[in-house]
């Protein structure tokens, strides 16, 4: 009599482990492989496989939306910035307020013109960890057929310097943090201002780590 419950528990564990491995695999890819375009392609494939609705947008669309912070930093790299929106509408009321997961996806962060020190530069590939985590979360929600409406937003870009010196100029560290906050703020505004995604206000999560960065920078952590 306990077999159905056991099978359900095993399936739940399988789905959650698969979602975690998706996030880990994305994070472990080298930055020369997991470019913004490649990340978007993999997210699109995963969304299609697990039944998520999805849209992928390039620089032209983001320019029309006034997403200058994302594009301003990303234009310093030859890798085109991308925006991925994934939707899981599993609630009984499809019009109910969704949860929005916002993932920062800087596939490699040199610091641009304000280039970062060589020590630890290899770790800058992890700056896309937020987007990887959101990809895993959306996969888990779809796999579990979660009874919730959710939106996953991935802002994908690379920060670099090119021969044409197109990178955004930034000054002290707080200015860099300000750029990051503007970038994620742009992503966070999408669910509430883009009617094709949501007709209602969205509950926003996933910005806490940015608050931690700011508090750390000004000496509170």
N, C-alpha and C. Protein backbone atom coordinates (compact mmCIF):
# COMPACT_ATOMS: atom_id res chain seq x y z
N UNK A 1 0.81 -1.21 0.00
CA UNK A 1 0.00 0.00 0.00
C UNK A 1 0.84 1.25 0.00
N UNK A 2 2.12 1.14 0.35
CA UNK A 2 2.99 2.32 0.42
C UNK A 2 3.76 2.55 -0.87
N UNK A 3 3.62 1.63 -1.79
CA UNK A 3 4.40 1.75 -3.03
C UNK A 3 4.09 3.01 -3.83
N UNK A 4 2.80 3.40 -4.00
CA UNK A 4 2.53 4.64 -4.75
C UNK A 4 3.21 5.87 -4.14
N UNK A 5 3.17 5.97 -2.82
CA UNK A 5 3.80 7.10 -2.16
C UNK A 5 5.32 7.07 -2.35
N UNK A 6 5.89 5.87 -2.30
CA UNK A 6 7.33 5.73 -2.50
C UNK A 6 7.72 6.13 -3.91
N UNK A 7 6.94 5.67 -4.89
CA UNK A 7 7.22 6.02 -6.28
C UNK A 7 7.12 7.53 -6.50
N UNK A 8 6.12 8.14 -5.87
CA UNK A 8 5.95 9.59 -6.00
C UNK A 8 7.13 10.34 -5.40
N UNK A 9 7.62 9.85 -4.27
CA UNK A 9 8.77 10.49 -3.63
C UNK A 9 10.03 10.36 -4.47
N UNK A 10 10.22 9.19 -5.05
CA UNK A 10 11.38 8.97 -5.92
C UNK A 10 11.32 9.88 -7.13
N UNK A 11 10.14 10.00 -7.73
CA UNK A 11 9.98 10.86 -8.91
C UNK A 11 10.23 12.32 -8.56
N UNK A 12 9.73 12.72 -7.39
CA UNK A 12 9.97 14.10 -6.95
C UNK A 12 11.47 14.35 -6.79
N UNK A 13 12.17 13.40 -6.17
CA UNK A 13 13.62 13.54 -6.00
C UNK A 13 14.35 13.57 -7.32
N UNK A 14 13.90 12.75 -8.28
CA UNK A 14 14.54 12.72 -9.60
C UNK A 14 14.42 14.08 -10.29
N UNK A 15 13.22 14.66 -10.24
CA UNK A 15 12.99 15.94 -10.90
C UNK A 15 13.82 17.05 -10.26
N UNK A 16 13.85 17.07 -8.93
CA UNK A 16 14.62 18.11 -8.25
C UNK A 16 16.12 17.95 -8.50
N UNK A 17 16.60 16.70 -8.49
CA UNK A 17 18.02 16.46 -8.76
C UNK A 17 18.37 16.86 -10.19
N UNK A 18 17.49 16.57 -11.11
CA UNK A 18 17.72 16.94 -12.51
C UNK A 18 17.80 18.45 -12.66
N UNK A 19 16.91 19.17 -11.96
CA UNK A 19 16.92 20.63 -12.01
C UNK A 19 18.21 21.20 -11.43
N UNK A 20 18.65 20.61 -10.32
CA UNK A 20 19.91 21.06 -9.72
C UNK A 20 21.09 20.81 -10.65
N UNK A 21 21.09 19.66 -11.30
CA UNK A 21 22.19 19.34 -12.22
C UNK A 21 22.18 20.25 -13.45
N UNK A 22 21.00 20.66 -13.89
CA UNK A 22 20.92 21.62 -14.99
C UNK A 22 21.64 22.90 -14.60
N UNK A 23 21.33 23.41 -13.42
CA UNK A 23 21.97 24.64 -12.95
C UNK A 23 23.48 24.45 -12.80
N UNK A 24 23.89 23.32 -12.25
CA UNK A 24 25.32 23.06 -12.06
C UNK A 24 26.05 22.93 -13.39
N UNK A 25 25.44 22.21 -14.32
CA UNK A 25 26.09 22.03 -15.62
C UNK A 25 26.27 23.37 -16.33
N UNK A 26 25.26 24.23 -16.24
CA UNK A 26 25.39 25.56 -16.85
C UNK A 26 26.52 26.34 -16.18
N UNK A 27 26.57 26.28 -14.86
CA UNK A 27 27.60 27.01 -14.13
C UNK A 27 29.00 26.49 -14.38
N UNK A 28 29.12 25.20 -14.64
CA UNK A 28 30.44 24.60 -14.84
C UNK A 28 30.99 24.78 -16.24
N UNK A 29 30.18 25.22 -17.17
CA UNK A 29 30.66 25.41 -18.55
C UNK A 29 31.67 26.55 -18.60
N UNK A 30 32.72 26.42 -19.40
CA UNK A 30 33.65 27.54 -19.57
C UNK A 30 32.98 28.68 -20.33
N UNK A 31 33.44 29.89 -20.05
CA UNK A 31 32.78 31.07 -20.60
C UNK A 31 32.91 31.18 -22.11
N UNK A 32 33.94 30.57 -22.70
CA UNK A 32 34.07 30.64 -24.15
C UNK A 32 33.09 29.70 -24.85
N UNK A 33 32.48 28.79 -24.08
CA UNK A 33 31.45 27.89 -24.62
C UNK A 33 30.06 28.44 -24.31
N UNK A 34 29.83 28.79 -23.04
CA UNK A 34 28.51 29.27 -22.64
C UNK A 34 28.43 30.78 -22.81
N UNK A 35 28.35 31.22 -24.05
CA UNK A 35 28.14 32.63 -24.35
C UNK A 35 26.67 32.98 -24.13
N UNK A 36 26.29 34.25 -24.13
CA UNK A 36 24.87 34.59 -23.98
C UNK A 36 23.98 33.90 -25.01
N UNK A 37 24.41 33.84 -26.27
CA UNK A 37 23.61 33.20 -27.31
C UNK A 37 23.49 31.70 -27.05
N UNK A 38 24.59 31.06 -26.63
CA UNK A 38 24.54 29.62 -26.34
C UNK A 38 23.68 29.34 -25.12
N UNK A 39 23.78 30.18 -24.10
CA UNK A 39 22.95 30.02 -22.90
C UNK A 39 21.48 30.11 -23.30
N UNK A 40 21.14 31.11 -24.09
CA UNK A 40 19.75 31.29 -24.52
C UNK A 40 19.26 30.07 -25.30
N UNK A 41 20.12 29.52 -26.16
CA UNK A 41 19.74 28.35 -26.95
C UNK A 41 19.48 27.14 -26.06
N UNK A 42 20.31 26.97 -25.03
CA UNK A 42 20.12 25.84 -24.12
C UNK A 42 18.87 26.02 -23.27
N UNK A 43 18.62 27.24 -22.81
CA UNK A 43 17.41 27.51 -22.04
C UNK A 43 16.17 27.26 -22.89
N UNK A 44 16.24 27.67 -24.15
CA UNK A 44 15.12 27.46 -25.08
C UNK A 44 14.86 25.96 -25.28
N UNK A 45 15.92 25.19 -25.44
CA UNK A 45 15.77 23.75 -25.63
C UNK A 45 15.17 23.09 -24.38
N UNK A 46 15.69 23.46 -23.21
CA UNK A 46 15.18 22.89 -21.97
C UNK A 46 13.72 23.26 -21.75
N UNK A 47 13.37 24.51 -22.07
CA UNK A 47 11.98 24.94 -21.90
C UNK A 47 11.05 24.14 -22.79
N UNK A 48 11.48 23.91 -24.02
CA UNK A 48 10.66 23.13 -24.94
C UNK A 48 10.49 21.70 -24.49
N UNK A 49 11.55 21.13 -23.90
CA UNK A 49 11.50 19.73 -23.47
C UNK A 49 10.58 19.52 -22.28
N UNK A 50 10.48 20.51 -21.40
CA UNK A 50 9.68 20.31 -20.18
C UNK A 50 8.34 21.02 -20.20
N UNK A 51 7.98 21.62 -21.33
CA UNK A 51 6.65 22.19 -21.47
C UNK A 51 6.48 23.61 -20.98
N UNK A 52 7.57 24.35 -20.89
CA UNK A 52 7.48 25.77 -20.52
C UNK A 52 7.19 26.61 -21.74
N UNK A 53 6.43 27.68 -21.56
CA UNK A 53 6.33 28.70 -22.60
C UNK A 53 7.60 29.53 -22.53
N UNK A 54 8.09 29.99 -23.67
CA UNK A 54 9.32 30.75 -23.63
C UNK A 54 9.40 31.72 -24.81
N UNK A 55 10.17 32.75 -24.61
CA UNK A 55 10.49 33.73 -25.66
C UNK A 55 11.95 34.11 -25.49
N UNK A 56 12.63 34.34 -26.61
CA UNK A 56 14.02 34.77 -26.59
C UNK A 56 14.12 36.07 -27.40
N UNK A 57 14.75 37.08 -26.79
CA UNK A 57 14.88 38.37 -27.44
C UNK A 57 16.35 38.78 -27.55
N UNK A 58 16.67 39.51 -28.61
CA UNK A 58 18.02 39.99 -28.85
C UNK A 58 18.16 41.47 -28.56
N UNK A 59 19.31 42.04 -28.91
CA UNK A 59 19.60 43.44 -28.60
C UNK A 59 18.59 44.43 -29.18
N UNK A 60 18.09 44.17 -30.40
CA UNK A 60 17.16 45.13 -31.00
C UNK A 60 15.90 45.30 -30.16
N UNK A 61 15.33 44.17 -29.68
CA UNK A 61 14.13 44.25 -28.86
C UNK A 61 14.43 44.95 -27.54
N UNK A 62 15.58 44.62 -26.93
CA UNK A 62 15.94 45.24 -25.66
C UNK A 62 16.16 46.74 -25.83
N UNK A 63 16.69 47.14 -26.97
CA UNK A 63 16.88 48.57 -27.24
C UNK A 63 15.53 49.28 -27.32
N UNK A 64 14.56 48.62 -27.95
CA UNK A 64 13.21 49.19 -28.03
C UNK A 64 12.57 49.33 -26.66
N UNK A 65 12.94 48.44 -25.73
CA UNK A 65 12.39 48.48 -24.38
C UNK A 65 13.16 49.44 -23.46
N UNK A 66 14.20 50.06 -23.99
CA UNK A 66 14.98 51.00 -23.19
C UNK A 66 15.86 50.35 -22.14
N UNK A 67 16.33 49.14 -22.42
CA UNK A 67 17.15 48.41 -21.45
C UNK A 67 18.63 48.79 -21.60
N UNK A 68 18.92 50.04 -21.31
CA UNK A 68 20.25 50.58 -21.54
C UNK A 68 21.33 50.02 -20.63
N UNK A 69 20.98 49.66 -19.40
CA UNK A 69 22.00 49.15 -18.48
C UNK A 69 22.54 47.81 -18.96
N UNK A 70 21.65 46.92 -19.35
CA UNK A 70 22.08 45.61 -19.84
C UNK A 70 22.89 45.76 -21.12
N UNK A 71 22.37 46.54 -22.06
CA UNK A 71 23.04 46.70 -23.34
C UNK A 71 24.32 47.51 -23.22
N UNK A 72 24.33 48.50 -22.32
CA UNK A 72 25.49 49.36 -22.17
C UNK A 72 26.72 48.60 -21.74
N UNK A 73 26.54 47.64 -20.83
CA UNK A 73 27.66 46.82 -20.38
C UNK A 73 27.97 45.74 -21.41
N UNK A 74 26.92 45.11 -21.93
CA UNK A 74 27.11 44.02 -22.88
C UNK A 74 27.76 44.43 -24.18
N UNK A 75 27.63 45.71 -24.56
CA UNK A 75 28.17 46.13 -25.85
C UNK A 75 29.69 46.18 -25.86
N UNK A 76 30.30 46.04 -24.68
CA UNK A 76 31.76 45.98 -24.64
C UNK A 76 32.31 44.63 -25.07
N UNK A 77 31.42 43.66 -25.27
CA UNK A 77 31.84 42.33 -25.70
C UNK A 77 31.34 42.08 -27.12
N UNK A 78 32.04 41.20 -27.83
CA UNK A 78 31.57 40.82 -29.17
C UNK A 78 30.41 39.83 -29.07
N UNK A 79 30.13 39.33 -27.86
CA UNK A 79 29.04 38.39 -27.65
C UNK A 79 27.73 39.16 -27.47
N UNK A 80 26.74 38.91 -28.31
CA UNK A 80 25.48 39.63 -28.23
C UNK A 80 24.70 39.28 -26.97
N UNK A 81 24.12 40.30 -26.35
CA UNK A 81 23.27 40.08 -25.18
C UNK A 81 21.95 39.44 -25.60
N UNK A 82 21.37 38.67 -24.67
CA UNK A 82 20.12 37.97 -24.92
C UNK A 82 19.21 38.09 -23.70
N UNK A 83 17.92 38.01 -23.94
CA UNK A 83 16.94 37.99 -22.86
C UNK A 83 16.02 36.80 -23.08
N UNK A 84 15.89 35.96 -22.06
CA UNK A 84 15.03 34.78 -22.14
C UNK A 84 13.91 34.92 -21.11
N UNK A 85 12.69 34.68 -21.53
CA UNK A 85 11.54 34.70 -20.63
C UNK A 85 10.86 33.35 -20.69
N UNK A 86 10.75 32.70 -19.54
CA UNK A 86 10.09 31.40 -19.44
C UNK A 86 8.86 31.53 -18.55
N UNK A 87 7.80 30.84 -18.92
CA UNK A 87 6.56 30.92 -18.15
C UNK A 87 6.03 29.53 -17.82
N UNK A 88 5.59 29.36 -16.57
CA UNK A 88 4.87 28.17 -16.16
C UNK A 88 3.57 28.63 -15.52
N UNK A 89 2.45 28.33 -16.16
CA UNK A 89 1.14 28.76 -15.67
C UNK A 89 0.39 27.53 -15.16
N UNK A 90 0.73 27.09 -13.95
CA UNK A 90 0.17 25.87 -13.41
C UNK A 90 -0.96 26.07 -12.43
N UNK A 91 -1.24 27.31 -12.06
CA UNK A 91 -2.31 27.57 -11.10
C UNK A 91 -3.67 27.34 -11.75
N UNK A 92 -4.65 27.01 -10.93
CA UNK A 92 -6.01 26.82 -11.46
C UNK A 92 -6.51 28.11 -12.09
N UNK A 93 -6.17 29.24 -11.48
CA UNK A 93 -6.53 30.55 -12.02
C UNK A 93 -5.33 31.09 -12.79
N UNK A 94 -5.38 31.00 -14.10
CA UNK A 94 -4.24 31.42 -14.93
C UNK A 94 -3.99 32.92 -14.85
N UNK A 95 -4.97 33.67 -14.38
CA UNK A 95 -4.80 35.12 -14.28
C UNK A 95 -4.30 35.55 -12.91
N UNK A 96 -4.07 34.60 -12.02
CA UNK A 96 -3.61 34.96 -10.67
C UNK A 96 -2.18 35.48 -10.71
N UNK A 97 -1.83 36.23 -9.69
CA UNK A 97 -0.53 36.88 -9.62
C UNK A 97 0.60 35.86 -9.70
N UNK A 98 1.55 36.05 -10.61
CA UNK A 98 2.67 35.10 -10.73
C UNK A 98 3.83 35.48 -9.81
N UNK A 99 4.68 34.51 -9.59
CA UNK A 99 5.97 34.78 -8.95
C UNK A 99 6.97 34.96 -10.08
N UNK A 100 7.83 35.96 -9.95
CA UNK A 100 8.84 36.20 -10.98
C UNK A 100 10.23 35.93 -10.41
N UNK A 101 10.97 35.06 -11.07
CA UNK A 101 12.35 34.75 -10.69
C UNK A 101 13.28 35.47 -11.67
N UNK A 102 14.12 36.35 -11.16
CA UNK A 102 14.99 37.16 -12.00
C UNK A 102 16.43 36.67 -11.86
N UNK A 103 17.03 36.24 -12.96
CA UNK A 103 18.37 35.69 -12.90
C UNK A 103 19.40 36.52 -13.64
N UNK A 104 20.39 37.02 -12.92
CA UNK A 104 21.50 37.74 -13.54
C UNK A 104 22.39 36.74 -14.27
N UNK A 105 22.62 36.96 -15.55
CA UNK A 105 23.39 36.02 -16.34
C UNK A 105 24.56 36.66 -17.07
N UNK A 106 25.54 37.12 -16.31
CA UNK A 106 26.76 37.66 -16.93
C UNK A 106 27.69 36.48 -17.18
N UNK A 107 27.77 36.06 -18.43
CA UNK A 107 28.49 34.82 -18.76
C UNK A 107 29.99 34.91 -18.50
N UNK A 108 30.52 36.09 -18.51
CA UNK A 108 31.88 36.34 -18.02
C UNK A 108 31.98 37.82 -17.73
N UNK A 109 32.54 38.16 -16.57
CA UNK A 109 32.58 39.57 -16.14
C UNK A 109 34.01 40.03 -15.93
N UNK A 110 34.58 40.62 -16.97
CA UNK A 110 35.94 41.15 -16.84
C UNK A 110 35.97 42.45 -16.05
N UNK A 111 34.79 43.09 -15.93
CA UNK A 111 34.74 44.43 -15.37
C UNK A 111 34.73 45.49 -16.46
N UNK A 112 34.85 45.05 -17.71
CA UNK A 112 34.83 46.01 -18.82
C UNK A 112 36.04 46.93 -18.78
N UNK A 113 35.82 48.21 -19.05
CA UNK A 113 36.90 49.18 -19.00
C UNK A 113 37.50 49.23 -17.60
N UNK A 114 36.65 49.12 -16.56
CA UNK A 114 37.13 49.05 -15.18
C UNK A 114 37.53 47.61 -14.88
N UNK A 115 38.54 47.12 -15.61
CA UNK A 115 38.87 45.70 -15.59
C UNK A 115 39.27 45.24 -14.19
N UNK A 116 38.88 44.04 -13.85
CA UNK A 116 39.11 43.51 -12.51
C UNK A 116 40.52 42.96 -12.39
N UNK A 117 41.02 42.81 -11.16
CA UNK A 117 42.38 42.28 -10.96
C UNK A 117 42.49 40.84 -11.49
N UNK A 118 43.71 40.46 -11.87
CA UNK A 118 43.93 39.12 -12.40
C UNK A 118 43.63 38.04 -11.37
N UNK A 119 43.92 38.34 -10.11
CA UNK A 119 43.67 37.37 -9.05
C UNK A 119 42.17 37.09 -8.92
N UNK A 120 41.77 35.87 -9.23
CA UNK A 120 40.35 35.52 -9.14
C UNK A 120 39.57 35.74 -10.42
N UNK A 121 40.23 36.22 -11.47
CA UNK A 121 39.52 36.49 -12.72
C UNK A 121 38.83 35.23 -13.26
N UNK A 122 39.45 34.05 -13.01
CA UNK A 122 38.86 32.81 -13.53
C UNK A 122 37.49 32.53 -12.91
N UNK A 123 37.23 33.12 -11.75
CA UNK A 123 35.94 32.90 -11.09
C UNK A 123 34.82 33.75 -11.67
N UNK A 124 35.16 34.68 -12.54
CA UNK A 124 34.16 35.59 -13.08
C UNK A 124 33.16 34.89 -13.99
N UNK A 125 33.43 33.64 -14.37
CA UNK A 125 32.45 32.89 -15.16
C UNK A 125 31.22 32.54 -14.33
N UNK A 126 31.35 32.60 -13.00
CA UNK A 126 30.24 32.25 -12.13
C UNK A 126 29.21 33.37 -12.03
N UNK A 127 29.45 34.48 -12.68
CA UNK A 127 28.53 35.62 -12.57
C UNK A 127 27.20 35.35 -13.29
N UNK A 128 27.09 34.18 -13.90
CA UNK A 128 25.81 33.80 -14.52
C UNK A 128 25.05 32.80 -13.65
N UNK A 129 25.51 32.63 -12.40
CA UNK A 129 24.89 31.66 -11.51
C UNK A 129 23.42 31.93 -11.23
N UNK A 130 23.04 33.20 -11.18
CA UNK A 130 21.64 33.53 -10.94
C UNK A 130 20.74 33.03 -12.06
N UNK A 131 21.18 33.23 -13.30
CA UNK A 131 20.40 32.77 -14.45
C UNK A 131 20.35 31.25 -14.50
N UNK A 132 21.46 30.60 -14.13
CA UNK A 132 21.48 29.14 -14.09
C UNK A 132 20.49 28.61 -13.06
N UNK A 133 20.45 29.27 -11.88
CA UNK A 133 19.54 28.85 -10.83
C UNK A 133 18.08 29.01 -11.26
N UNK A 134 17.77 30.12 -11.91
CA UNK A 134 16.40 30.35 -12.37
C UNK A 134 16.00 29.31 -13.42
N UNK A 135 16.94 28.96 -14.30
CA UNK A 135 16.66 27.92 -15.29
C UNK A 135 16.31 26.60 -14.61
N UNK A 136 17.07 26.25 -13.57
CA UNK A 136 16.79 25.03 -12.83
C UNK A 136 15.45 25.09 -12.11
N UNK A 137 15.14 26.22 -11.51
CA UNK A 137 13.86 26.39 -10.80
C UNK A 137 12.68 26.20 -11.75
N UNK A 138 12.75 26.84 -12.91
CA UNK A 138 11.64 26.73 -13.86
C UNK A 138 11.48 25.30 -14.35
N UNK A 139 12.59 24.60 -14.55
CA UNK A 139 12.54 23.20 -14.95
C UNK A 139 11.86 22.35 -13.87
N UNK A 140 12.20 22.63 -12.60
CA UNK A 140 11.61 21.89 -11.49
C UNK A 140 10.11 22.15 -11.38
N UNK A 141 9.69 23.39 -11.55
CA UNK A 141 8.26 23.72 -11.47
C UNK A 141 7.47 22.99 -12.55
N UNK A 142 8.01 22.99 -13.77
CA UNK A 142 7.33 22.32 -14.87
C UNK A 142 7.32 20.80 -14.66
N UNK A 143 8.46 20.25 -14.21
CA UNK A 143 8.55 18.82 -14.00
C UNK A 143 7.62 18.33 -12.91
N UNK A 144 7.43 19.15 -11.88
CA UNK A 144 6.56 18.80 -10.78
C UNK A 144 5.09 19.15 -11.05
N UNK A 145 4.85 19.81 -12.19
CA UNK A 145 3.49 20.28 -12.51
C UNK A 145 2.96 21.13 -11.35
N UNK A 146 3.81 22.02 -10.89
CA UNK A 146 3.49 22.85 -9.72
C UNK A 146 2.25 23.70 -9.98
N UNK A 147 1.41 23.81 -8.97
CA UNK A 147 0.16 24.56 -9.10
C UNK A 147 0.41 26.03 -8.75
N UNK A 148 1.20 26.65 -9.59
CA UNK A 148 1.59 28.04 -9.38
C UNK A 148 1.85 28.68 -10.73
N UNK A 149 1.63 29.97 -10.81
CA UNK A 149 2.02 30.74 -11.99
C UNK A 149 3.39 31.35 -11.72
N UNK A 150 4.33 31.14 -12.62
CA UNK A 150 5.69 31.63 -12.40
C UNK A 150 6.30 32.10 -13.71
N UNK A 151 7.14 33.11 -13.60
CA UNK A 151 7.88 33.65 -14.73
C UNK A 151 9.37 33.63 -14.39
N UNK A 152 10.17 33.12 -15.29
CA UNK A 152 11.61 33.13 -15.11
C UNK A 152 12.25 34.04 -16.16
N UNK A 153 13.05 34.98 -15.72
CA UNK A 153 13.66 35.96 -16.62
C UNK A 153 15.17 35.86 -16.52
N UNK A 154 15.82 35.64 -17.65
CA UNK A 154 17.27 35.54 -17.71
C UNK A 154 17.83 36.71 -18.51
N UNK A 155 18.63 37.53 -17.87
CA UNK A 155 19.32 38.61 -18.58
C UNK A 155 20.74 38.15 -18.85
N UNK A 156 21.04 37.86 -20.11
CA UNK A 156 22.31 37.23 -20.47
C UNK A 156 23.20 38.21 -21.23
N UNK A 157 24.40 38.40 -20.71
CA UNK A 157 25.35 39.28 -21.39
C UNK A 157 26.75 38.89 -20.97
N UNK A 158 27.72 39.44 -21.67
CA UNK A 158 29.12 39.28 -21.28
C UNK A 158 29.71 40.66 -21.09
N UNK A 159 30.62 40.79 -20.17
CA UNK A 159 31.27 42.08 -19.92
C UNK A 159 32.71 41.96 -20.38
N UNK A 160 33.09 42.76 -21.34
CA UNK A 160 34.44 42.66 -21.86
C UNK A 160 34.91 43.98 -22.43
N UNK A 161 36.06 43.96 -23.06
CA UNK A 161 36.59 45.12 -23.76
C UNK A 161 36.93 44.70 -25.18
N UNK A 162 36.57 45.51 -26.12
CA UNK A 162 36.86 45.22 -27.52
C UNK A 162 37.82 46.27 -28.08
N UNK A 163 38.33 45.97 -29.25
CA UNK A 163 39.23 46.92 -29.89
C UNK A 163 38.56 48.25 -30.16
N UNK A 164 37.24 48.24 -30.32
CA UNK A 164 36.52 49.49 -30.59
C UNK A 164 36.18 50.24 -29.32
N UNK A 165 36.55 49.66 -28.15
CA UNK A 165 36.33 50.32 -26.86
C UNK A 165 34.88 50.75 -26.68
N UNK A 166 33.94 49.83 -26.93
CA UNK A 166 32.53 50.16 -26.80
C UNK A 166 32.00 49.94 -25.39
N UNK A 167 32.82 49.41 -24.48
CA UNK A 167 32.34 49.08 -23.14
C UNK A 167 31.91 50.33 -22.39
N UNK A 168 30.90 50.16 -21.54
CA UNK A 168 30.45 51.28 -20.71
C UNK A 168 31.56 51.69 -19.76
N UNK A 169 31.75 53.00 -19.58
CA UNK A 169 32.78 53.49 -18.67
C UNK A 169 32.20 53.58 -17.27
N UNK A 170 32.97 53.04 -16.31
CA UNK A 170 32.49 53.09 -14.94
C UNK A 170 33.63 53.51 -14.05
N UNK A 171 33.30 54.14 -12.94
CA UNK A 171 34.32 54.64 -12.06
C UNK A 171 34.59 53.71 -10.89
N UNK A 172 34.30 54.18 -9.69
CA UNK A 172 34.60 53.40 -8.49
C UNK A 172 33.69 52.20 -8.38
N UNK A 173 33.97 51.34 -7.41
CA UNK A 173 33.23 50.09 -7.26
C UNK A 173 31.75 50.32 -7.08
N UNK A 174 31.38 51.36 -6.35
CA UNK A 174 29.96 51.61 -6.12
C UNK A 174 29.25 51.93 -7.43
N UNK A 175 29.97 52.56 -8.37
CA UNK A 175 29.36 52.82 -9.67
C UNK A 175 29.11 51.51 -10.40
N UNK A 176 30.05 50.57 -10.26
CA UNK A 176 29.88 49.26 -10.87
C UNK A 176 28.68 48.54 -10.28
N UNK A 177 28.56 48.60 -8.95
CA UNK A 177 27.42 47.99 -8.28
C UNK A 177 26.13 48.65 -8.74
N UNK A 178 26.17 49.98 -8.91
CA UNK A 178 24.98 50.68 -9.39
C UNK A 178 24.56 50.19 -10.76
N UNK A 179 25.53 49.92 -11.64
CA UNK A 179 25.22 49.39 -12.96
C UNK A 179 24.56 48.03 -12.85
N UNK A 180 25.08 47.18 -11.95
CA UNK A 180 24.49 45.85 -11.76
C UNK A 180 23.07 45.95 -11.26
N UNK A 181 22.83 46.88 -10.33
CA UNK A 181 21.48 47.03 -9.80
C UNK A 181 20.52 47.54 -10.87
N UNK A 182 20.99 48.46 -11.70
CA UNK A 182 20.16 48.95 -12.80
C UNK A 182 19.83 47.82 -13.76
N UNK A 183 20.82 47.00 -14.05
CA UNK A 183 20.66 45.86 -14.95
C UNK A 183 19.58 44.92 -14.44
N UNK A 184 19.67 44.53 -13.16
CA UNK A 184 18.67 43.62 -12.61
C UNK A 184 17.33 44.33 -12.43
N UNK A 185 17.38 45.62 -12.14
CA UNK A 185 16.13 46.39 -12.06
C UNK A 185 15.37 46.37 -13.37
N UNK A 186 16.11 46.47 -14.47
CA UNK A 186 15.46 46.37 -15.78
C UNK A 186 14.76 45.03 -15.95
N UNK A 187 15.44 43.97 -15.55
CA UNK A 187 14.85 42.64 -15.66
C UNK A 187 13.63 42.50 -14.76
N UNK A 188 13.73 43.05 -13.55
CA UNK A 188 12.63 42.94 -12.60
C UNK A 188 11.39 43.68 -13.05
N UNK A 189 11.58 44.71 -13.88
CA UNK A 189 10.43 45.49 -14.32
C UNK A 189 9.65 44.83 -15.45
N UNK A 190 10.24 43.83 -16.09
CA UNK A 190 9.61 43.22 -17.26
C UNK A 190 8.24 42.62 -16.96
N UNK A 191 8.06 41.84 -15.88
CA UNK A 191 6.75 41.23 -15.67
C UNK A 191 5.62 42.24 -15.50
N UNK A 192 5.93 43.43 -15.00
CA UNK A 192 4.86 44.40 -14.74
C UNK A 192 4.67 45.40 -15.87
N UNK A 193 5.61 45.48 -16.79
CA UNK A 193 5.44 46.47 -17.85
C UNK A 193 5.32 45.88 -19.25
N UNK A 194 5.49 44.57 -19.34
CA UNK A 194 5.39 43.94 -20.65
C UNK A 194 4.10 43.14 -20.70
N UNK A 195 3.07 43.67 -21.30
CA UNK A 195 1.71 43.10 -21.23
C UNK A 195 1.65 41.70 -21.79
N UNK A 196 2.52 41.34 -22.70
CA UNK A 196 2.46 40.01 -23.28
C UNK A 196 2.87 38.94 -22.27
N UNK A 197 3.50 39.37 -21.19
CA UNK A 197 3.95 38.41 -20.19
C UNK A 197 2.97 38.32 -19.04
N UNK A 198 2.48 39.42 -18.56
CA UNK A 198 1.60 39.39 -17.40
C UNK A 198 0.69 40.60 -17.41
N UNK A 199 -0.57 40.38 -17.09
CA UNK A 199 -1.54 41.47 -16.97
C UNK A 199 -1.68 41.93 -15.53
N UNK A 200 -0.96 41.32 -14.63
CA UNK A 200 -1.06 41.65 -13.22
C UNK A 200 0.31 41.99 -12.68
N UNK A 201 0.32 42.57 -11.48
CA UNK A 201 1.60 42.84 -10.82
C UNK A 201 2.23 41.52 -10.43
N UNK A 202 3.54 41.44 -10.54
CA UNK A 202 4.24 40.19 -10.22
C UNK A 202 4.98 40.34 -8.90
N UNK A 203 5.00 39.26 -8.13
CA UNK A 203 5.82 39.22 -6.91
C UNK A 203 7.24 38.90 -7.35
N UNK A 204 8.19 39.72 -6.92
CA UNK A 204 9.57 39.59 -7.38
C UNK A 204 10.44 38.98 -6.30
N UNK A 205 11.18 37.95 -6.68
CA UNK A 205 12.15 37.35 -5.78
C UNK A 205 13.46 37.24 -6.51
N UNK A 206 14.55 36.96 -5.80
CA UNK A 206 15.84 36.74 -6.43
C UNK A 206 16.75 37.94 -6.44
N UNK A 207 16.36 39.05 -5.75
CA UNK A 207 17.20 40.23 -5.75
C UNK A 207 17.98 40.37 -4.43
N UNK A 208 17.78 39.44 -3.51
CA UNK A 208 18.37 39.57 -2.19
C UNK A 208 19.90 39.59 -2.26
N UNK A 209 20.46 38.77 -3.17
CA UNK A 209 21.92 38.70 -3.23
C UNK A 209 22.52 40.02 -3.67
N UNK A 210 21.77 40.82 -4.41
CA UNK A 210 22.27 42.14 -4.80
C UNK A 210 22.29 43.09 -3.61
N UNK A 211 21.29 42.97 -2.75
CA UNK A 211 21.30 43.77 -1.54
C UNK A 211 22.51 43.41 -0.68
N UNK A 212 22.84 42.13 -0.66
CA UNK A 212 24.01 41.68 0.11
C UNK A 212 25.29 42.29 -0.46
N UNK A 213 25.38 42.37 -1.80
CA UNK A 213 26.55 42.97 -2.43
C UNK A 213 26.70 44.42 -2.01
N UNK A 214 25.59 45.16 -2.05
CA UNK A 214 25.63 46.58 -1.71
C UNK A 214 26.01 46.75 -0.24
N UNK A 215 25.37 45.98 0.65
CA UNK A 215 25.67 46.10 2.07
C UNK A 215 27.13 45.77 2.35
N UNK A 216 27.64 44.76 1.65
CA UNK A 216 29.05 44.39 1.81
C UNK A 216 29.96 45.52 1.36
N UNK A 217 29.61 46.16 0.25
CA UNK A 217 30.46 47.22 -0.33
C UNK A 217 30.54 48.42 0.58
N UNK A 218 29.46 48.73 1.29
CA UNK A 218 29.47 49.92 2.14
C UNK A 218 29.81 49.58 3.59
N UNK A 219 30.18 48.30 3.84
CA UNK A 219 30.73 47.94 5.13
C UNK A 219 29.76 47.42 6.15
N UNK A 220 28.53 47.10 5.75
CA UNK A 220 27.56 46.59 6.71
C UNK A 220 27.63 45.09 6.88
N UNK A 221 28.28 44.38 5.96
CA UNK A 221 28.39 42.91 6.07
C UNK A 221 29.88 42.53 6.11
